[in-house]
N, C-alpha and C. Protein backbone atom coordinates (compact mmCIF):
# COMPACT_ATOMS: atom_id res chain seq x y z
N THR A 1 52.52 18.32 -98.82
CA THR A 1 52.14 19.69 -99.14
C THR A 1 53.39 20.48 -99.49
N ALA A 2 53.30 21.29 -100.51
CA ALA A 2 54.42 22.12 -100.93
C ALA A 2 54.18 23.57 -100.53
N SER A 3 55.25 24.35 -100.41
CA SER A 3 55.11 25.77 -100.13
C SER A 3 54.33 26.44 -101.24
N GLY A 4 53.65 27.52 -100.90
CA GLY A 4 52.92 28.30 -101.88
C GLY A 4 51.47 27.88 -102.09
N VAL A 5 51.00 26.87 -101.39
CA VAL A 5 49.63 26.39 -101.52
C VAL A 5 48.71 27.31 -100.74
N THR A 6 47.47 27.51 -101.24
CA THR A 6 46.46 28.30 -100.52
C THR A 6 45.27 27.41 -100.22
N SER A 7 44.76 27.48 -99.00
CA SER A 7 43.58 26.70 -98.62
C SER A 7 42.34 27.27 -99.32
N SER A 8 41.21 26.58 -99.16
CA SER A 8 39.96 27.05 -99.77
C SER A 8 38.80 26.72 -98.83
N ASN A 9 37.61 27.16 -99.20
CA ASN A 9 36.43 26.89 -98.38
C ASN A 9 36.13 25.41 -98.26
N GLU A 10 36.62 24.60 -99.20
CA GLU A 10 36.39 23.16 -99.15
C GLU A 10 37.25 22.50 -98.07
N ASN A 11 38.27 23.21 -97.57
CA ASN A 11 39.16 22.65 -96.56
C ASN A 11 38.59 22.87 -95.17
N TYR A 12 38.71 21.84 -94.34
CA TYR A 12 38.39 21.94 -92.93
C TYR A 12 39.59 21.48 -92.11
N ILE A 13 40.16 20.34 -92.52
CA ILE A 13 41.36 19.82 -91.89
C ILE A 13 42.45 19.75 -92.94
N LEU A 14 43.59 20.36 -92.65
CA LEU A 14 44.74 20.32 -93.55
C LEU A 14 45.85 19.54 -92.88
N GLY A 15 46.21 18.39 -93.45
CA GLY A 15 47.33 17.60 -92.97
C GLY A 15 48.56 17.97 -93.78
N ILE A 16 49.60 18.39 -93.09
CA ILE A 16 50.81 18.85 -93.76
C ILE A 16 51.87 17.76 -93.69
N GLY A 17 52.30 17.27 -94.85
CA GLY A 17 53.35 16.25 -94.92
C GLY A 17 54.68 16.88 -95.27
N GLY A 18 55.62 16.06 -95.68
CA GLY A 18 56.94 16.55 -96.06
C GLY A 18 57.87 16.60 -94.86
N SER A 19 59.06 17.15 -95.07
CA SER A 19 60.03 17.12 -93.99
C SER A 19 60.73 18.45 -93.72
N GLY A 20 60.63 19.41 -94.63
CA GLY A 20 61.33 20.67 -94.45
C GLY A 20 60.39 21.81 -94.08
N ALA A 21 60.98 22.97 -93.86
CA ALA A 21 60.20 24.18 -93.59
C ALA A 21 59.33 24.48 -94.80
N LEU A 22 58.13 24.98 -94.56
CA LEU A 22 57.27 25.39 -95.67
C LEU A 22 56.32 26.49 -95.25
N GLU A 23 55.74 27.13 -96.24
CA GLU A 23 54.80 28.23 -96.03
C GLU A 23 53.56 27.96 -96.85
N PHE A 24 52.39 28.18 -96.26
CA PHE A 24 51.17 28.16 -97.06
C PHE A 24 50.24 29.26 -96.58
N ARG A 25 49.32 29.63 -97.43
CA ARG A 25 48.42 30.75 -97.19
C ARG A 25 47.01 30.23 -96.94
N ILE A 26 46.35 30.81 -95.94
CA ILE A 26 44.95 30.46 -95.73
C ILE A 26 44.08 31.44 -96.50
N HIS A 27 42.97 30.95 -96.97
CA HIS A 27 42.09 31.77 -97.79
C HIS A 27 41.49 32.92 -96.97
N SER A 28 40.93 33.86 -97.66
CA SER A 28 40.39 35.07 -97.06
C SER A 28 39.32 34.76 -96.02
N ALA A 29 39.39 35.44 -94.89
CA ALA A 29 38.39 35.27 -93.84
C ALA A 29 37.01 35.71 -94.33
N SER A 30 36.96 36.71 -95.19
CA SER A 30 35.66 37.15 -95.71
C SER A 30 35.06 36.10 -96.64
N THR A 31 35.89 35.39 -97.39
CA THR A 31 35.41 34.30 -98.24
C THR A 31 34.96 33.13 -97.38
N ALA A 32 35.71 32.85 -96.32
CA ALA A 32 35.36 31.75 -95.41
C ALA A 32 34.06 32.03 -94.67
N GLY A 33 33.86 33.30 -94.28
CA GLY A 33 32.67 33.69 -93.55
C GLY A 33 32.84 33.55 -92.05
N SER A 34 32.00 34.24 -91.33
CA SER A 34 32.03 34.21 -89.87
C SER A 34 31.70 32.82 -89.36
N GLY A 35 32.52 32.32 -88.44
CA GLY A 35 32.28 31.01 -87.85
C GLY A 35 33.00 29.87 -88.54
N ALA A 36 33.68 30.14 -89.65
CA ALA A 36 34.44 29.08 -90.34
C ALA A 36 35.58 28.60 -89.46
N ILE A 37 35.87 27.32 -89.53
CA ILE A 37 36.94 26.72 -88.74
C ILE A 37 37.90 26.00 -89.67
N LEU A 38 39.18 26.13 -89.37
CA LEU A 38 40.23 25.48 -90.14
C LEU A 38 41.22 24.87 -89.16
N LEU A 39 41.50 23.57 -89.32
CA LEU A 39 42.46 22.87 -88.48
C LEU A 39 43.67 22.52 -89.32
N VAL A 40 44.86 22.79 -88.79
CA VAL A 40 46.11 22.48 -89.50
C VAL A 40 46.93 21.56 -88.61
N LYS A 41 47.34 20.42 -89.16
CA LYS A 41 48.11 19.43 -88.40
C LYS A 41 49.36 19.05 -89.17
N ASP A 42 50.50 19.12 -88.50
CA ASP A 42 51.76 18.66 -89.08
C ASP A 42 51.80 17.14 -88.93
N GLU A 43 51.78 16.42 -90.04
CA GLU A 43 51.77 14.97 -90.01
C GLU A 43 53.17 14.37 -90.01
N SER A 44 54.20 15.22 -90.09
CA SER A 44 55.57 14.74 -90.13
C SER A 44 56.16 14.69 -88.73
N ALA A 45 56.74 13.56 -88.38
CA ALA A 45 57.37 13.41 -87.07
C ALA A 45 58.80 13.93 -87.07
N SER A 46 59.33 14.26 -88.26
CA SER A 46 60.73 14.66 -88.33
C SER A 46 60.94 15.90 -89.20
N ARG A 47 60.09 16.89 -89.07
CA ARG A 47 60.22 18.12 -89.87
C ARG A 47 61.46 18.88 -89.43
N SER A 48 62.21 19.39 -90.41
CA SER A 48 63.45 20.10 -90.10
C SER A 48 63.29 21.61 -90.00
N GLY A 49 62.09 22.12 -90.11
CA GLY A 49 61.85 23.55 -90.00
C GLY A 49 60.40 23.82 -89.67
N PRO A 50 60.04 25.08 -89.50
CA PRO A 50 58.67 25.43 -89.12
C PRO A 50 57.70 25.40 -90.30
N ILE A 51 56.43 25.40 -89.97
CA ILE A 51 55.36 25.63 -90.94
C ILE A 51 54.88 27.05 -90.69
N THR A 52 54.96 27.89 -91.71
CA THR A 52 54.49 29.27 -91.60
C THR A 52 53.14 29.36 -92.29
N ILE A 53 52.13 29.77 -91.53
CA ILE A 53 50.78 29.94 -92.04
C ILE A 53 50.59 31.43 -92.26
N SER A 54 50.35 31.83 -93.50
CA SER A 54 50.20 33.25 -93.83
C SER A 54 48.74 33.57 -94.10
N ALA A 55 48.30 34.71 -93.61
CA ALA A 55 46.94 35.18 -93.88
C ALA A 55 46.89 35.78 -95.29
N SER A 56 45.73 35.75 -95.90
CA SER A 56 45.55 36.40 -97.20
C SER A 56 45.74 37.90 -97.04
N SER A 57 46.04 38.56 -98.13
CA SER A 57 46.30 40.00 -98.11
C SER A 57 45.18 40.76 -97.40
N GLY A 58 45.55 41.56 -96.43
CA GLY A 58 44.57 42.35 -95.67
C GLY A 58 44.02 41.64 -94.45
N ASP A 59 44.19 40.32 -94.36
CA ASP A 59 43.73 39.56 -93.20
C ASP A 59 44.87 39.41 -92.19
N THR A 60 44.52 39.02 -90.98
CA THR A 60 45.52 38.70 -89.96
C THR A 60 45.15 37.40 -89.27
N ILE A 61 46.13 36.85 -88.58
CA ILE A 61 45.93 35.70 -87.69
C ILE A 61 46.33 36.18 -86.31
N ASP A 62 45.37 36.33 -85.43
CA ASP A 62 45.61 36.91 -84.09
C ASP A 62 46.36 38.24 -84.18
N GLY A 63 46.02 39.06 -85.17
CA GLY A 63 46.59 40.39 -85.31
C GLY A 63 47.89 40.47 -86.10
N ASP A 64 48.43 39.33 -86.52
CA ASP A 64 49.69 39.31 -87.27
C ASP A 64 49.45 38.77 -88.68
N PRO A 65 50.32 39.11 -89.63
CA PRO A 65 50.14 38.62 -91.01
C PRO A 65 50.44 37.14 -91.18
N SER A 66 51.14 36.52 -90.21
CA SER A 66 51.42 35.09 -90.32
C SER A 66 51.56 34.49 -88.92
N TYR A 67 51.55 33.16 -88.89
CA TYR A 67 51.66 32.42 -87.63
C TYR A 67 52.54 31.21 -87.91
N GLU A 68 53.47 30.93 -87.03
CA GLU A 68 54.41 29.84 -87.24
C GLU A 68 54.17 28.73 -86.22
N ILE A 69 54.13 27.48 -86.71
CA ILE A 69 54.05 26.35 -85.80
C ILE A 69 55.28 25.48 -86.01
N SER A 70 55.77 24.92 -84.94
CA SER A 70 56.94 24.05 -85.02
C SER A 70 56.93 23.12 -83.83
N GLY A 71 57.89 22.22 -83.79
CA GLY A 71 57.97 21.28 -82.69
C GLY A 71 57.60 19.89 -83.15
N SER A 72 57.26 19.05 -82.22
CA SER A 72 56.93 17.66 -82.51
C SER A 72 55.47 17.51 -82.89
N SER A 73 55.20 17.39 -84.18
CA SER A 73 53.84 17.18 -84.72
C SER A 73 52.82 18.20 -84.19
N PRO A 74 53.08 19.51 -84.33
CA PRO A 74 52.14 20.51 -83.81
C PRO A 74 50.85 20.58 -84.62
N ALA A 75 49.86 21.20 -84.03
CA ALA A 75 48.58 21.45 -84.69
C ALA A 75 48.09 22.83 -84.26
N ILE A 76 47.20 23.39 -85.07
CA ILE A 76 46.61 24.69 -84.74
C ILE A 76 45.16 24.69 -85.21
N SER A 77 44.29 25.30 -84.43
CA SER A 77 42.88 25.48 -84.78
C SER A 77 42.64 26.97 -84.99
N LEU A 78 41.99 27.31 -86.08
CA LEU A 78 41.69 28.70 -86.42
C LEU A 78 40.19 28.88 -86.66
N TYR A 79 39.68 30.04 -86.31
CA TYR A 79 38.30 30.38 -86.68
C TYR A 79 38.28 31.77 -87.29
N SER A 80 37.29 31.99 -88.13
CA SER A 80 37.13 33.27 -88.81
C SER A 80 35.96 34.04 -88.22
N ASN A 81 36.13 35.36 -88.11
CA ASN A 81 35.00 36.21 -87.72
C ASN A 81 34.44 36.93 -88.96
N GLY A 82 34.89 36.50 -90.13
CA GLY A 82 34.46 37.10 -91.39
C GLY A 82 35.38 38.22 -91.86
N ALA A 83 36.31 38.63 -91.01
CA ALA A 83 37.27 39.68 -91.38
C ALA A 83 38.72 39.24 -91.17
N ASN A 84 38.95 38.40 -90.14
CA ASN A 84 40.28 37.92 -89.79
C ASN A 84 40.17 36.52 -89.20
N TRP A 85 41.35 35.91 -88.99
CA TRP A 85 41.45 34.56 -88.41
C TRP A 85 41.99 34.66 -86.98
N PHE A 86 41.56 33.74 -86.12
CA PHE A 86 41.98 33.72 -84.73
C PHE A 86 42.32 32.29 -84.32
N VAL A 87 43.35 32.15 -83.47
CA VAL A 87 43.77 30.87 -82.94
C VAL A 87 42.88 30.53 -81.74
N PHE A 88 42.47 29.28 -81.65
CA PHE A 88 41.74 28.85 -80.44
C PHE A 88 42.15 27.46 -80.05
């Protein structure tokens, strides 16, 4: 996966490859709809930087415009309430 990619309603599980820091945007919570779930998993065992997950314009992830995951093969689960995204 390269920086600058945006997820879509067709995505449920996103496996992130590569080795460096990268940023990608999740699609609008209103487009996803209430109850939508998105799982993001870092598939790299040797990433040299964080993965920054950015919300679409006007959306938030747990109240912030972006969320960063890092460490040894981290993962994050998100759900939409139709207006914003939340970590669970």
